Amino acid sequence: MNKSKIRVIERKRRAFRVRKKIEGTTDRPRLCVRRSINHIYAQLVDDIKGETIAQVTSYGKSFSESKNSGGNLSKTEIAKAVGEAIAQIAVEKGISSVVFDRKGYLYHGRVKALAEAARSKGLVF
């Protein structure tokens, strides 16, 4: 196996370890974060009902407009904007507390920036 496949397998193992300890409920949904090379995604999931409550991605119209008008934003700044957006949607839907699912990613960089931005807008982890 090459290094990239090994890296993916190890991340999936970490994700499984994280996911077996947490579960999203209606009162306290799971804030699931996924990142790719260029984008970052966040969604609120109710695992009991098996449905997604809300989701925000970094490639929507609002992010492309802010990127063009305000100059080039770094990936970390975009992650902060996604965190603030998902927190705003959650507060509008009456959700104040969530369970954070980092999905096997290390808690630094863009994942940490998203989490801290969501906390600053009122979500409690």
PDB file of N, CA and C in Angstrom:
ATOM      1  N   MET A   1       0.840  -1.192   0.000  1.00  0.00           N
ATOM      2  CA  MET A   1       0.000   0.000   0.000  1.00  0.00           C
ATOM      3  C   MET A   1       0.878   1.245   0.000  1.00  0.00           C
ATOM      4  N   ASN A   2       0.388   2.266  -0.679  1.00  0.00           N
ATOM      5  CA  ASN A   2       1.137   3.513  -0.649  1.00  0.00           C
ATOM      6  C   ASN A   2       0.714   4.361   0.551  1.00  0.00           C
ATOM      7  N   LYS A   3       1.445   5.424   0.790  1.00  0.00           N
ATOM      8  CA  LYS A   3       1.237   6.223   2.004  1.00  0.00           C
ATOM      9  C   LYS A   3      -0.135   6.887   2.054  1.00  0.00           C
ATOM     10  N   SER A   4      -0.648   7.305   0.922  1.00  0.00           N
ATOM     11  CA  SER A   4      -1.938   7.999   0.938  1.00  0.00           C
ATOM     12  C   SER A   4      -3.070   7.050   1.348  1.00  0.00           C
ATOM     13  N   LYS A   5      -3.030   5.802   0.900  1.00  0.00           N
ATOM     14  CA  LYS A   5      -4.059   4.844   1.301  1.00  0.00           C
ATOM     15  C   LYS A   5      -3.947   4.514   2.787  1.00  0.00           C
ATOM     16  N   ILE A   6      -2.736   4.392   3.275  1.00  0.00           N
ATOM     17  CA  ILE A   6      -2.526   4.119   4.698  1.00  0.00           C
ATOM     18  C   ILE A   6      -3.062   5.268   5.543  1.00  0.00           C
ATOM     19  N   ARG A   7      -2.836   6.502   5.078  1.00  0.00           N
ATOM     20  CA  ARG A   7      -3.310   7.683   5.788  1.00  0.00           C
ATOM     21  C   ARG A   7      -4.833   7.689   5.882  1.00  0.00           C
ATOM     22  N   VAL A   8      -5.487   7.336   4.793  1.00  0.00           N
ATOM     23  CA  VAL A   8      -6.953   7.303   4.781  1.00  0.00           C
ATOM     24  C   VAL A   8      -7.472   6.215   5.719  1.00  0.00           C
ATOM     25  N   ILE A   9      -6.858   5.051   5.679  1.00  0.00           N
ATOM     26  CA  ILE A   9      -7.284   3.952   6.558  1.00  0.00           C
ATOM     27  C   ILE A   9      -7.107   4.327   8.020  1.00  0.00           C
ATOM     28  N   GLU A  10      -5.998   4.952   8.363  1.00  0.00           N
ATOM     29  CA  GLU A  10      -5.765   5.358   9.749  1.00  0.00           C
ATOM     30  C   GLU A  10      -6.768   6.414  10.191  1.00  0.00           C
ATOM     31  N   ARG A  11      -7.120   7.348   9.308  1.00  0.00           N
ATOM     32  CA  ARG A  11      -8.102   8.363   9.662  1.00  0.00           C
ATOM     33  C   ARG A  11      -9.468   7.729   9.882  1.00  0.00           C
ATOM     34  N   LYS A  12      -9.821   6.740   9.071  1.00  0.00           N
ATOM     35  CA  LYS A  12     -11.112   6.069   9.255  1.00  0.00           C
ATOM     36  C   LYS A  12     -11.143   5.302  10.568  1.00  0.00           C
ATOM     37  N   ARG A  13     -10.027   4.734  10.975  1.00  0.00           N
ATOM     38  CA  ARG A  13      -9.969   4.060  12.272  1.00  0.00           C
ATOM     39  C   ARG A  13     -10.166   5.055  13.413  1.00  0.00           C
ATOM     40  N   ARG A  14      -9.504   6.199  13.312  1.00  0.00           N
ATOM     41  CA  ARG A  14      -9.680   7.241  14.337  1.00  0.00           C
ATOM     42  C   ARG A  14     -11.124   7.712  14.374  1.00  0.00           C
ATOM     43  N   ALA A  15     -11.728   7.890  13.186  1.00  0.00           N
ATOM     44  CA  ALA A  15     -13.114   8.340  13.107  1.00  0.00           C
ATOM     45  C   ALA A  15     -14.041   7.338  13.786  1.00  0.00           C
ATOM     46  N   PHE A  16     -13.792   6.059  13.581  1.00  0.00           N
ATOM     47  CA  PHE A  16     -14.617   5.038  14.216  1.00  0.00           C
ATOM     48  C   PHE A  16     -14.481   5.106  15.731  1.00  0.00           C
ATOM     49  N   ARG A  17     -13.270   5.302  16.232  1.00  0.00           N
ATOM     50  CA  ARG A  17     -13.059   5.408  17.681  1.00  0.00           C
ATOM     51  C   ARG A  17     -13.799   6.602  18.253  1.00  0.00           C
ATOM     52  N   VAL A  18     -13.770   7.732  17.526  1.00  0.00           N
ATOM     53  CA  VAL A  18     -14.460   8.938  18.000  1.00  0.00           C
ATOM     54  C   VAL A  18     -15.965   8.720  17.970  1.00  0.00           C
ATOM     55  N   ARG A  19     -16.480   8.140  16.874  1.00  0.00           N
ATOM     56  CA  ARG A  19     -17.914   8.003  16.691  1.00  0.00           C
ATOM     57  C   ARG A  19     -18.571   7.014  17.630  1.00  0.00           C
ATOM     58  N   LYS A  20     -17.838   6.009  18.118  1.00  0.00           N
ATOM     59  CA  LYS A  20     -18.485   5.054  19.015  1.00  0.00           C
ATOM     60  C   LYS A  20     -18.705   5.639  20.401  1.00  0.00           C
ATOM     61  N   LYS A  21     -18.111   6.779  20.692  1.00  0.00           N
ATOM     62  CA  LYS A  21     -18.274   7.415  22.000  1.00  0.00           C
ATOM     63  C   LYS A  21     -19.343   8.504  22.006  1.00  0.00           C
ATOM     64  N   ILE A  22     -19.724   9.014  20.839  1.00  0.00           N
ATOM     65  CA  ILE A  22     -20.667  10.134  20.802  1.00  0.00           C
ATOM     66  C   ILE A  22     -21.892   9.770  19.980  1.00  0.00           C
ATOM     67  N   GLU A  23     -23.004  10.457  20.297  1.00  0.00           N
ATOM     68  CA  GLU A  23     -24.236  10.275  19.551  1.00  0.00           C
ATOM     69  C   GLU A  23     -25.035  11.563  19.629  1.00  0.00           C
ATOM     70  N   GLY A  24     -25.594  11.969  18.514  1.00  0.00           N
ATOM     71  CA  GLY A  24     -26.407  13.171  18.479  1.00  0.00           C
ATOM     72  C   GLY A  24     -27.850  12.860  18.776  1.00  0.00           C
ATOM     73  N   THR A  25     -28.481  13.697  19.562  1.00  0.00           N
ATOM     74  CA  THR A  25     -29.893  13.547  19.881  1.00  0.00           C
ATOM     75  C   THR A  25     -30.653  14.760  19.371  1.00  0.00           C
ATOM     76  N   THR A  26     -31.963  14.761  19.572  1.00  0.00           N
ATOM     77  CA  THR A  26     -32.760  15.898  19.134  1.00  0.00           C
ATOM     78  C   THR A  26     -32.398  17.149  19.924  1.00  0.00           C
ATOM     79  N   ASP A  27     -32.180  17.004  21.229  1.00  0.00           N
ATOM     80  CA  ASP A  27     -31.834  18.144  22.072  1.00  0.00           C
ATOM     81  C   ASP A  27     -30.383  18.579  21.878  1.00  0.00           C
ATOM     82  N   ARG A  28     -29.509  17.606  21.629  1.00  0.00           N
ATOM     83  CA  ARG A  28     -28.079  17.898  21.495  1.00  0.00           C
ATOM     84  C   ARG A  28     -27.534  17.161  20.264  1.00  0.00           C
ATOM     85  N   PRO A  29     -27.701  17.758  19.075  1.00  0.00           N
ATOM     86  CA  PRO A  29     -27.267  17.076  17.853  1.00  0.00           C
ATOM     87  C   PRO A  29     -25.750  17.031  17.718  1.00  0.00           C
ATOM     88  N   ARG A  30     -25.305  16.222  16.783  1.00  0.00           N
ATOM     89  CA  ARG A  30     -23.880  16.044  16.518  1.00  0.00           C
ATOM     90  C   ARG A  30     -23.452  17.052  15.454  1.00  0.00           C
ATOM     91  N   LEU A  31     -22.429  17.852  15.762  1.00  0.00           N
ATOM     92  CA  LEU A  31     -21.843  18.776  14.796  1.00  0.00           C
ATOM     93  C   LEU A  31     -20.712  18.033  14.100  1.00  0.00           C
ATOM     94  N   CYS A  32     -20.982  17.590  12.894  1.00  0.00           N
ATOM     95  CA  CYS A  32     -20.054  16.754  12.138  1.00  0.00           C
ATOM     96  C   CYS A  32     -19.251  17.636  11.179  1.00  0.00           C
ATOM     97  N   VAL A  33     -17.939  17.503  11.204  1.00  0.00           N
ATOM     98  CA  VAL A  33     -17.054  18.305  10.364  1.00  0.00           C
ATOM     99  C   VAL A  33     -16.336  17.398   9.387  1.00  0.00           C
ATOM    100  N   ARG A  34     -16.309  17.807   8.136  1.00  0.00           N
ATOM    101  CA  ARG A  34     -15.538  17.092   7.123  1.00  0.00           C
ATOM    102  C   ARG A  34     -14.726  18.124   6.358  1.00  0.00           C
ATOM    103  N   ARG A  35     -13.500  17.787   6.058  1.00  0.00           N
ATOM    104  CA  ARG A  35     -12.679  18.704   5.281  1.00  0.00           C
ATOM    105  C   ARG A  35     -12.051  17.968   4.115  1.00  0.00           C
ATOM    106  N   SER A  36     -11.888  18.701   3.035  1.00  0.00           N
ATOM    107  CA  SER A  36     -11.171  18.188   1.880  1.00  0.00           C
ATOM    108  C   SER A  36      -9.983  19.113   1.656  1.00  0.00           C
ATOM    109  N   ILE A  37      -9.313  18.943   0.567  1.00  0.00           N
ATOM    110  CA  ILE A  37      -8.141  19.792   0.318  1.00  0.00           C
ATOM    111  C   ILE A  37      -8.543  21.254   0.179  1.00  0.00           C
ATOM    112  N   ASN A  38      -9.650  21.513  -0.516  1.00  0.00           N
ATOM    113  CA  ASN A  38     -10.041  22.893  -0.783  1.00  0.00           C
ATOM    114  C   ASN A  38     -11.220  23.397   0.036  1.00  0.00           C
ATOM    115  N   HIS A  39     -12.073  22.513   0.526  1.00  0.00           N
ATOM    116  CA  HIS A  39     -13.312  22.941   1.167  1.00  0.00           C
ATOM    117  C   HIS A  39     -13.475  22.319   2.545  1.00  0.00           C
ATOM    118  N   ILE A  40     -14.444  22.859   3.291  1.00  0.00           N
ATOM    119  CA  ILE A  40     -14.792  22.322   4.600  1.00  0.00           C
ATOM    120  C   ILE A  40     -16.314  22.311   4.714  1.00  0.00           C
ATOM    121  N   TYR A  41     -16.834  21.291   5.363  1.00  0.00           N
ATOM    122  CA  TYR A  41     -18.265  21.071   5.466  1.00  0.00           C
ATOM    123  C   TYR A  41     -18.622  20.880   6.940  1.00  0.00           C
ATOM    124  N   ALA A  42     -19.786  21.385   7.335  1.00  0.00           N
ATOM    125  CA  ALA A  42     -20.273  21.191   8.703  1.00  0.00           C
ATOM    126  C   ALA A  42     -21.764  20.899   8.628  1.00  0.00           C
ATOM    127  N   GLN A  43     -22.194  19.936   9.430  1.00  0.00           N
ATOM    128  CA  GLN A  43     -23.621  19.649   9.471  1.00  0.00           C
ATOM    129  C   GLN A  43     -24.040  19.225  10.860  1.00  0.00           C
ATOM    130  N   LEU A  44     -25.280  19.517  11.187  1.00  0.00           N
ATOM    131  CA  LEU A  44     -25.891  19.105  12.444  1.00  0.00           C
ATOM    132  C   LEU A  44     -26.742  17.877  12.168  1.00  0.00           C
ATOM    133  N   VAL A  45     -26.476  16.789  12.904  1.00  0.00           N
ATOM    134  CA  VAL A  45     -27.126  15.515  12.641  1.00  0.00           C
ATOM    135  C   VAL A  45     -27.825  15.015  13.903  1.00  0.00           C
ATOM    136  N   ASP A  46     -29.071  14.598  13.732  1.00  0.00           N
ATOM    137  CA  ASP A  46     -29.810  13.927  14.788  1.00  0.00           C
ATOM    138  C   ASP A  46     -29.723  12.432  14.498  1.00  0.00           C
ATOM    139  N   ASP A  47     -28.913  11.702  15.261  1.00  0.00           N
ATOM    140  CA  ASP A  47     -28.681  10.287  15.005  1.00  0.00           C
ATOM    141  C   ASP A  47     -29.878   9.418  15.378  1.00  0.00           C
ATOM    142  N   ILE A  48     -30.703   9.863  16.298  1.00  0.00           N
ATOM    143  CA  ILE A  48     -31.863   9.072  16.701  1.00  0.00           C
ATOM    144  C   ILE A  48     -32.893   9.031  15.569  1.00  0.00           C
ATOM    145  N   LYS A  49     -33.193  10.191  14.987  1.00  0.00           N
ATOM    146  CA  LYS A  49     -34.124  10.244  13.858  1.00  0.00           C
ATOM    147  C   LYS A  49     -33.446   9.884  12.536  1.00  0.00           C
ATOM    148  N   GLY A  50     -32.132  10.003  12.496  1.00  0.00           N
ATOM    149  CA  GLY A  50     -31.401   9.705  11.279  1.00  0.00           C
ATOM    150  C   GLY A  50     -31.552  10.782  10.221  1.00  0.00           C
ATOM    151  N   GLU A  51     -31.525  12.039  10.645  1.00  0.00           N
ATOM    152  CA  GLU A  51     -31.699  13.123   9.686  1.00  0.00           C
ATOM    153  C   GLU A  51     -30.718  14.257   9.948  1.00  0.00           C
ATOM    154  N   THR A  52     -30.449  14.999   8.895  1.00  0.00           N
ATOM    155  CA  THR A  52     -29.590  16.168   8.983  1.00  0.00           C
ATOM    156  C   THR A  52     -30.468  17.380   9.265  1.00  0.00           C
ATOM    157  N   ILE A  53     -30.131  18.123  10.306  1.00  0.00           N
ATOM    158  CA  ILE A  53     -30.905  19.287  10.700  1.00  0.00           C
ATOM    159  C   ILE A  53     -30.513  20.504   9.869  1.00  0.00           C
ATOM    160  N   ALA A  54     -29.200  20.706   9.704  1.00  0.00           N
ATOM    161  CA  ALA A  54     -28.698  21.842   8.937  1.00  0.00           C
ATOM    162  C   ALA A  54     -27.306  21.515   8.425  1.00  0.00           C
ATOM    163  N   GLN A  55     -26.920  22.193   7.347  1.00  0.00           N
ATOM    164  CA  GLN A  55     -25.573  22.002   6.829  1.00  0.00           C
ATOM    165  C   GLN A  55     -25.066  23.287   6.194  1.00  0.00           C
ATOM    166  N   VAL A  56     -23.753  23.456   6.244  1.00  0.00           N
ATOM    167  CA  VAL A  56     -23.100  24.605   5.637  1.00  0.00           C
ATOM    168  C   VAL A  56     -21.836  24.104   4.958  1.00  0.00           C
ATOM    169  N   THR A  57     -21.588  24.598   3.752  1.00  0.00           N
ATOM    170  CA  THR A  57     -20.378  24.222   3.029  1.00  0.00           C
ATOM    171  C   THR A  57     -19.611  25.471   2.644  1.00  0.00           C
ATOM    172  N   SER A  58     -18.362  25.295   2.292  1.00  0.00           N
ATOM    173  CA  SER A  58     -17.529  26.439   1.960  1.00  0.00           C
ATOM    174  C   SER A  58     -17.558  26.769   0.474  1.00  0.00           C
ATOM    175  N   TYR A  59     -18.394  26.108  -0.299  1.00  0.00           N
ATOM    176  CA  TYR A  59     -18.413  26.425  -1.720  1.00  0.00           C
ATOM    177  C   TYR A  59     -19.748  26.987  -2.190  1.00  0.00           C
ATOM    178  N   GLY A  60     -20.551  27.477  -1.289  1.00  0.00           N
ATOM    179  CA  GLY A  60     -21.835  28.068  -1.650  1.00  0.00           C
ATOM    180  C   GLY A  60     -21.668  29.468  -2.206  1.00  0.00           C
ATOM    181  N   LYS A  61     -22.798  30.065  -2.593  1.00  0.00           N
ATOM    182  CA  LYS A  61     -22.771  31.409  -3.177  1.00  0.00           C
ATOM    183  C   LYS A  61     -22.226  32.443  -2.201  1.00  0.00           C
ATOM    184  N   SER A  62     -22.631  32.353  -0.947  1.00  0.00           N
ATOM    185  CA  SER A  62     -22.209  33.368   0.023  1.00  0.00           C
ATOM    186  C   SER A  62     -20.698  33.375   0.210  1.00  0.00           C
ATOM    187  N   PHE A  63     -20.079  32.201   0.159  1.00  0.00           N
ATOM    188  CA  PHE A  63     -18.640  32.148   0.354  1.00  0.00           C
ATOM    189  C   PHE A  63     -17.887  32.577  -0.897  1.00  0.00           C
ATOM    190  N   SER A  64     -18.420  32.288  -2.074  1.00  0.00           N
ATOM    191  CA  SER A  64     -17.742  32.723  -3.290  1.00  0.00           C
ATOM    192  C   SER A  64     -17.835  34.238  -3.436  1.00  0.00           C
ATOM    193  N   GLU A  65     -18.969  34.832  -3.029  1.00  0.00           N
ATOM    194  CA  GLU A  65     -19.107  36.286  -3.093  1.00  0.00           C
ATOM    195  C   GLU A  65     -18.164  36.969  -2.109  1.00  0.00           C
ATOM    196  N   SER A  66     -18.074  36.442  -0.896  1.00  0.00           N
ATOM    197  CA  SER A  66     -17.197  37.073   0.096  1.00  0.00           C
ATOM    198  C   SER A  66     -15.730  36.895  -0.285  1.00  0.00           C
ATOM    199  N   LYS A  67     -15.422  35.805  -0.942  1.00  0.00           N
ATOM    200  CA  LYS A  67     -14.043  35.571  -1.360  1.00  0.00           C
ATOM    201  C   LYS A  67     -13.649  36.545  -2.459  1.00  0.00           C
ATOM    202  N   ASN A  68     -14.581  36.830  -3.388  1.00  0.00           N
ATOM    203  CA  ASN A  68     -14.277  37.731  -4.490  1.00  0.00           C
ATOM    204  C   ASN A  68     -14.268  39.184  -4.055  1.00  0.00           C
ATOM    205  N   SER A  69     -15.178  39.569  -3.177  1.00  0.00           N
ATOM    206  CA  SER A  69     -15.261  40.976  -2.790  1.00  0.00           C
ATOM    207  C   SER A  69     -14.217  41.354  -1.755  1.00  0.00           C
ATOM    208  N   GLY A  70     -13.890  40.459  -0.863  1.00  0.00           N
ATOM    209  CA  GLY A  70     -12.972  40.798   0.220  1.00  0.00           C
ATOM    210  C   GLY A  70     -11.543  40.360  -0.031  1.00  0.00           C
ATOM    211  N   GLY A  71     -11.226  39.958  -1.225  1.00  0.00           N
ATOM    212  CA  GLY A  71      -9.882  39.467  -1.488  1.00  0.00           C
ATOM    213  C   GLY A  71      -9.796  37.978  -1.243  1.00  0.00           C
ATOM    214  N   ASN A  72      -8.613  37.452  -1.281  1.00  0.00           N
ATOM    215  CA  ASN A  72      -8.433  36.020  -1.079  1.00  0.00           C
ATOM    216  C   ASN A  72      -8.418  35.687   0.404  1.00  0.00           C
ATOM    217  N   LEU A  73      -9.315  34.833   0.800  1.00  0.00           N
ATOM    218  CA  LEU A  73      -9.369  34.374   2.187  1.00  0.00           C
ATOM    219  C   LEU A  73      -8.586  33.082   2.306  1.00  0.00           C
ATOM    220  N   SER A  74      -7.958  32.894   3.445  1.00  0.00           N
ATOM    221  CA  SER A  74      -7.253  31.639   3.673  1.00  0.00           C
ATOM    222  C   SER A  74      -8.266  30.553   4.024  1.00  0.00           C
ATOM    223  N   LYS A  75      -7.837  29.310   3.973  1.00  0.00           N
ATOM    224  CA  LYS A  75      -8.728  28.196   4.299  1.00  0.00           C
ATOM    225  C   LYS A  75      -9.184  28.267   5.748  1.00  0.00           C
ATOM    226  N   THR A  76      -8.313  28.748   6.626  1.00  0.00           N
ATOM    227  CA  THR A  76      -8.674  28.884   8.040  1.00  0.00           C
ATOM    228  C   THR A  76      -9.748  29.943   8.227  1.00  0.00           C
ATOM    229  N   GLU A  77      -9.652  31.055   7.503  1.00  0.00           N
ATOM    230  CA  GLU A  77     -10.667  32.101   7.599  1.00  0.00           C
ATOM    231  C   GLU A  77     -12.004  31.617   7.058  1.00  0.00           C
ATOM    232  N   ILE A  78     -11.960  30.814   5.995  1.00  0.00           N
ATOM    233  CA  ILE A  78     -13.189  30.243   5.451  1.00  0.00           C
ATOM    234  C   ILE A  78     -13.806  29.272   6.460  1.00  0.00           C
ATOM    235  N   ALA A  79     -12.971  28.476   7.142  1.00  0.00           N
ATOM    236  CA  ALA A  79     -13.466  27.556   8.167  1.00  0.00           C
ATOM    237  C   ALA A  79     -14.128  28.324   9.306  1.00  0.00           C
ATOM    238  N   LYS A  80     -13.563  29.461   9.683  1.00  0.00           N
ATOM    239  CA  LYS A  80     -14.186  30.290  10.716  1.00  0.00           C
ATOM    240  C   LYS A  80     -15.557  30.765  10.263  1.00  0.00           C
ATOM    241  N   ALA A  81     -15.671  31.170   9.000  1.00  0.00           N
ATOM    242  CA  ALA A  81     -16.950  31.645   8.479  1.00  0.00           C
ATOM    243  C   ALA A  81     -17.984  30.512   8.463  1.00  0.00           C
ATOM    244  N   VAL A  82     -17.557  29.306   8.124  1.00  0.00           N
ATOM    245  CA  VAL A  82     -18.464  28.152   8.134  1.00  0.00           C
ATOM    246  C   VAL A  82     -18.920  27.870   9.563  1.00  0.00           C
ATOM    247  N   GLY A  83     -18.011  27.934  10.526  1.00  0.00           N
ATOM    248  CA  GLY A  83     -18.361  27.724  11.929  1.00  0.00           C
ATOM    249  C   GLY A  83     -19.361  28.740  12.433  1.00  0.00           C
ATOM    250  N   GLU A  84     -19.157  30.007  12.073  1.00  0.00           N
ATOM    251  CA  GLU A  84     -20.097  31.043  12.484  1.00  0.00           C
ATOM    252  C   GLU A  84     -21.463  30.835  11.829  1.00  0.00           C
ATOM    253  N   ALA A  85     -21.465  30.413  10.562  1.00  0.00           N
ATOM    254  CA  ALA A  85     -22.724  30.212   9.848  1.00  0.00           C
ATOM    255  C   ALA A  85     -23.522  29.044  10.431  1.00  0.00           C
ATOM    256  N   ILE A  86     -22.851  27.940  10.738  1.00  0.00           N
ATOM    257  CA  ILE A  86     -23.569  26.784  11.289  1.00  0.00           C
ATOM    258  C   ILE A  86     -24.089  27.098  12.696  1.00  0.00           C
ATOM    259  N   ALA A  87     -23.333  27.890  13.453  1.00  0.00           N
ATOM    260  CA  ALA A  87     -23.787  28.281  14.788  1.00  0.00           C
ATOM    261  C   ALA A  87     -25.001  29.198  14.698  1.00  0.00           C
ATOM    262  N   GLN A  88     -24.993  30.095  13.750  1.00  0.00           N
ATOM    263  CA  GLN A  88     -26.124  31.002  13.576  1.00  0.00           C
ATOM    264  C   GLN A  88     -27.388  30.230  13.196  1.00  0.00           C
ATOM    265  N   ILE A  89     -27.251  29.266  12.299  1.00  0.00           N
ATOM    266  CA  ILE A  89     -28.395  28.441  11.903  1.00  0.00           C
ATOM    267  C   ILE A  89     -28.909  27.623  13.091  1.00  0.00           C
ATOM    268  N   ALA A  90     -27.968  27.082  13.885  1.00  0.00           N
ATOM    269  CA  ALA A  90     -28.362  26.275  15.044  1.00  0.00           C
ATOM    270  C   ALA A  90     -29.117  27.108  16.065  1.00  0.00           C
ATOM    271  N   VAL A  91     -28.639  28.316  16.336  1.00  0.00           N
ATOM    272  CA  VAL A  91     -29.301  29.179  17.308  1.00  0.00           C
ATOM    273  C   VAL A  91     -30.692  29.571  16.803  1.00  0.00           C
ATOM    274  N   GLU A  92     -30.822  29.817  15.500  1.00  0.00           N
ATOM    275  CA  GLU A  92     -32.132  30.138  14.937  1.00  0.00           C
ATOM    276  C   GLU A  92     -33.107  28.974  15.087  1.00  0.00           C
ATOM    277  N   LYS A  93     -32.611  27.744  15.034  1.00  0.00           N
ATOM    278  CA  LYS A  93     -33.467  26.561  15.172  1.00  0.00           C
ATOM    279  C   LYS A  93     -33.659  26.174  16.634  1.00  0.00           C
ATOM    280  N   GLY A  94     -33.096  26.938  17.565  1.00  0.00           N
ATOM    281  CA  GLY A  94     -33.295  26.679  18.984  1.00  0.00           C
ATOM    282  C   GLY A  94     -32.330  25.671  19.575  1.00  0.00           C
ATOM    283  N   ILE A  95     -31.198  25.451  18.919  1.00  0.00           N
ATOM    284  CA  ILE A  95     -30.194  24.513  19.410  1.00  0.00           C
ATOM    285  C   ILE A  95     -29.064  25.314  20.034  1.00  0.00           C
ATOM    286  N   SER A  96     -28.778  25.030  21.304  1.00  0.00           N
ATOM    287  CA  SER A  96     -27.705  25.760  21.974  1.00  0.00           C
ATOM    288  C   SER A  96     -26.532  24.867  22.342  1.00  0.00           C
ATOM    289  N   SER A  97     -26.743  23.570  22.370  1.00  0.00           N
ATOM    290  CA  SER A  97     -25.702  22.641  22.782  1.00  0.00           C
ATOM    291  C   SER A  97     -25.556  21.538  21.742  1.00  0.00           C
ATOM    292  N   VAL A  98     -24.310  21.207  21.391  1.00  0.00           N
ATOM    293  CA  VAL A  98     -24.035  20.169  20.396  1.00  0.00           C
ATOM    294  C   VAL A  98     -22.924  19.255  20.885  1.00  0.00           C
ATOM    295  N   VAL A  99     -22.795  18.117  20.207  1.00  0.00           N
ATOM    296  CA  VAL A  99     -21.679  17.202  20.423  1.00  0.00           C
ATOM    297  C   VAL A  99     -20.771  17.353  19.213  1.00  0.00           C
ATOM    298  N   PHE A 100     -19.483  17.582  19.428  1.00  0.00           N
ATOM    299  CA  PHE A 100     -18.563  17.852  18.324  1.00  0.00           C
ATOM    300  C   PHE A 100     -17.963  16.551  17.812  1.00  0.00           C
ATOM    301  N   ASP A 101     -18.118  16.312  16.514  1.00  0.00           N
ATOM    302  CA  ASP A 101     -17.574  15.126  15.857  1.00  0.00           C
ATOM    303  C   ASP A 101     -16.499  15.588  14.882  1.00  0.00           C
ATOM    304  N   ARG A 102     -15.243  15.385  15.254  1.00  0.00           N
ATOM    305  CA  ARG A 102     -14.129  15.813  14.394  1.00  0.00           C
ATOM    306  C   ARG A 102     -13.787  14.781  13.346  1.00  0.00           C
ATOM    307  N   LYS A 103     -14.432  13.621  13.401  1.00  0.00           N
ATOM    308  CA  LYS A 103     -14.359  12.601  12.364  1.00  0.00           C
ATOM    309  C   LYS A 103     -12.952  12.089  12.079  1.00  0.00           C
ATOM    310  N   GLY A 104     -12.148  11.961  13.083  1.00  0.00           N
ATOM    311  CA  GLY A 104     -10.815  11.406  12.894  1.00  0.00           C
ATOM    312  C   GLY A 104      -9.760  12.431  12.559  1.00  0.00           C
ATOM    313  N   TYR A 105     -10.173  13.679  12.288  1.00  0.00           N
ATOM    314  CA  TYR A 105      -9.198  14.729  12.020  1.00  0.00           C
ATOM    315  C   TYR A 105      -8.633  15.223  13.340  1.00  0.00           C
ATOM    316  N   LEU A 106      -7.394  15.622  13.325  1.00  0.00           N
ATOM    317  CA  LEU A 106      -6.787  16.176  14.526  1.00  0.00           C
ATOM    318  C   LEU A 106      -7.424  17.517  14.841  1.00  0.00           C
ATOM    319  N   TYR A 107      -7.506  17.854  16.120  1.00  0.00           N
ATOM    320  CA  TYR A 107      -8.146  19.096  16.543  1.00  0.00           C
ATOM    321  C   TYR A 107      -7.130  20.229  16.475  1.00  0.00           C
ATOM    322  N   HIS A 108      -6.828  20.656  15.279  1.00  0.00           N
ATOM    323  CA  HIS A 108      -5.998  21.836  15.065  1.00  0.00           C
ATOM    324  C   HIS A 108      -6.266  22.349  13.664  1.00  0.00           C
ATOM    325  N   GLY A 109      -5.777  23.527  13.357  1.00  0.00           N
ATOM    326  CA  GLY A 109      -5.950  24.087  12.026  1.00  0.00           C
ATOM    327  C   GLY A 109      -7.384  24.459  11.739  1.00  0.00           C
ATOM    328  N   ARG A 110      -7.873  24.005  10.589  1.00  0.00           N
ATOM    329  CA  ARG A 110      -9.216  24.384  10.142  1.00  0.00           C
ATOM    330  C   ARG A 110     -10.311  23.804  11.018  1.00  0.00           C
ATOM    331  N   VAL A 111     -10.124  22.598  11.528  1.00  0.00           N
ATOM    332  CA  VAL A 111     -11.139  21.981  12.388  1.00  0.00           C
ATOM    333  C   VAL A 111     -11.266  22.778  13.687  1.00  0.00           C
ATOM    334  N   LYS A 112     -10.150  23.158  14.258  1.00  0.00           N
ATOM    335  CA  LYS A 112     -10.152  23.951  15.485  1.00  0.00           C
ATOM    336  C   LYS A 112     -10.747  25.335  15.234  1.00  0.00           C
ATOM    337  N   ALA A 113     -10.420  25.944  14.107  1.00  0.00           N
ATOM    338  CA  ALA A 113     -10.953  27.270  13.780  1.00  0.00           C
ATOM    339  C   ALA A 113     -12.466  27.231  13.646  1.00  0.00           C
ATOM    340  N   LEU A 114     -13.000  26.191  13.002  1.00  0.00           N
ATOM    341  CA  LEU A 114     -14.443  26.044  12.863  1.00  0.00           C
ATOM    342  C   LEU A 114     -15.098  25.883  14.229  1.00  0.00           C
ATOM    343  N   ALA A 115     -14.514  25.037  15.073  1.00  0.00           N
ATOM    344  CA  ALA A 115     -15.087  24.787  16.395  1.00  0.00           C
ATOM    345  C   ALA A 115     -15.075  26.050  17.262  1.00  0.00           C
ATOM    346  N   GLU A 116     -13.975  26.770  17.262  1.00  0.00           N
ATOM    347  CA  GLU A 116     -13.892  27.975  18.086  1.00  0.00           C
ATOM    348  C   GLU A 116     -14.823  29.068  17.585  1.00  0.00           C
ATOM    349  N   ALA A 117     -14.999  29.173  16.265  1.00  0.00           N
ATOM    350  CA  ALA A 117     -15.926  30.161  15.719  1.00  0.00           C
ATOM    351  C   ALA A 117     -17.366  29.813  16.103  1.00  0.00           C
ATOM    352  N   ALA A 118     -17.694  28.528  16.089  1.00  0.00           N
ATOM    353  CA  ALA A 118     -19.044  28.108  16.492  1.00  0.00           C
ATOM    354  C   ALA A 118     -19.271  28.394  17.971  1.00  0.00           C
ATOM    355  N   ARG A 119     -18.242  28.166  18.790  1.00  0.00           N
ATOM    356  CA  ARG A 119     -18.360  28.478  20.228  1.00  0.00           C
ATOM    357  C   ARG A 119     -18.550  29.969  20.453  1.00  0.00           C
ATOM    358  N   SER A 120     -17.834  30.784  19.678  1.00  0.00           N
ATOM    359  CA  SER A 120     -17.916  32.230  19.876  1.00  0.00           C
ATOM    360  C   SER A 120     -19.307  32.778  19.515  1.00  0.00           C
ATOM    361  N   LYS A 121     -20.036  32.057  18.656  1.00  0.00           N
ATOM    362  CA  LYS A 121     -21.390  32.496  18.269  1.00  0.00           C
ATOM    363  C   LYS A 121     -22.478  31.896  19.139  1.00  0.00           C
ATOM    364  N   GLY A 122     -22.101  31.153  20.192  1.00  0.00           N
ATOM    365  CA  GLY A 122     -23.115  30.721  21.152  1.00  0.00           C
ATOM    366  C   GLY A 122     -23.344  29.241  21.292  1.00  0.00           C
ATOM    367  N   LEU A 123     -22.688  28.401  20.504  1.00  0.00           N
ATOM    368  CA  LEU A 123     -22.861  26.961  20.679  1.00  0.00           C
ATOM    369  C   LEU A 123     -22.015  26.464  21.838  1.00  0.00           C
ATOM    370  N   VAL A 124     -22.555  25.512  22.583  1.00  0.00           N
ATOM    371  CA  VAL A 124     -21.844  24.920  23.705  1.00  0.00           C
ATOM    372  C   VAL A 124     -21.515  23.489  23.337  1.00  0.00           C
ATOM    373  N   PHE A 125     -20.249  23.113  23.484  1.00  0.00           N
ATOM    374  CA  PHE A 125     -19.808  21.742  23.179  1.00  0.00           C
ATOM    375  C   PHE A 125     -19.710  20.963  24.459  1.00  0.00           C
TER     376      PHE A 125
END
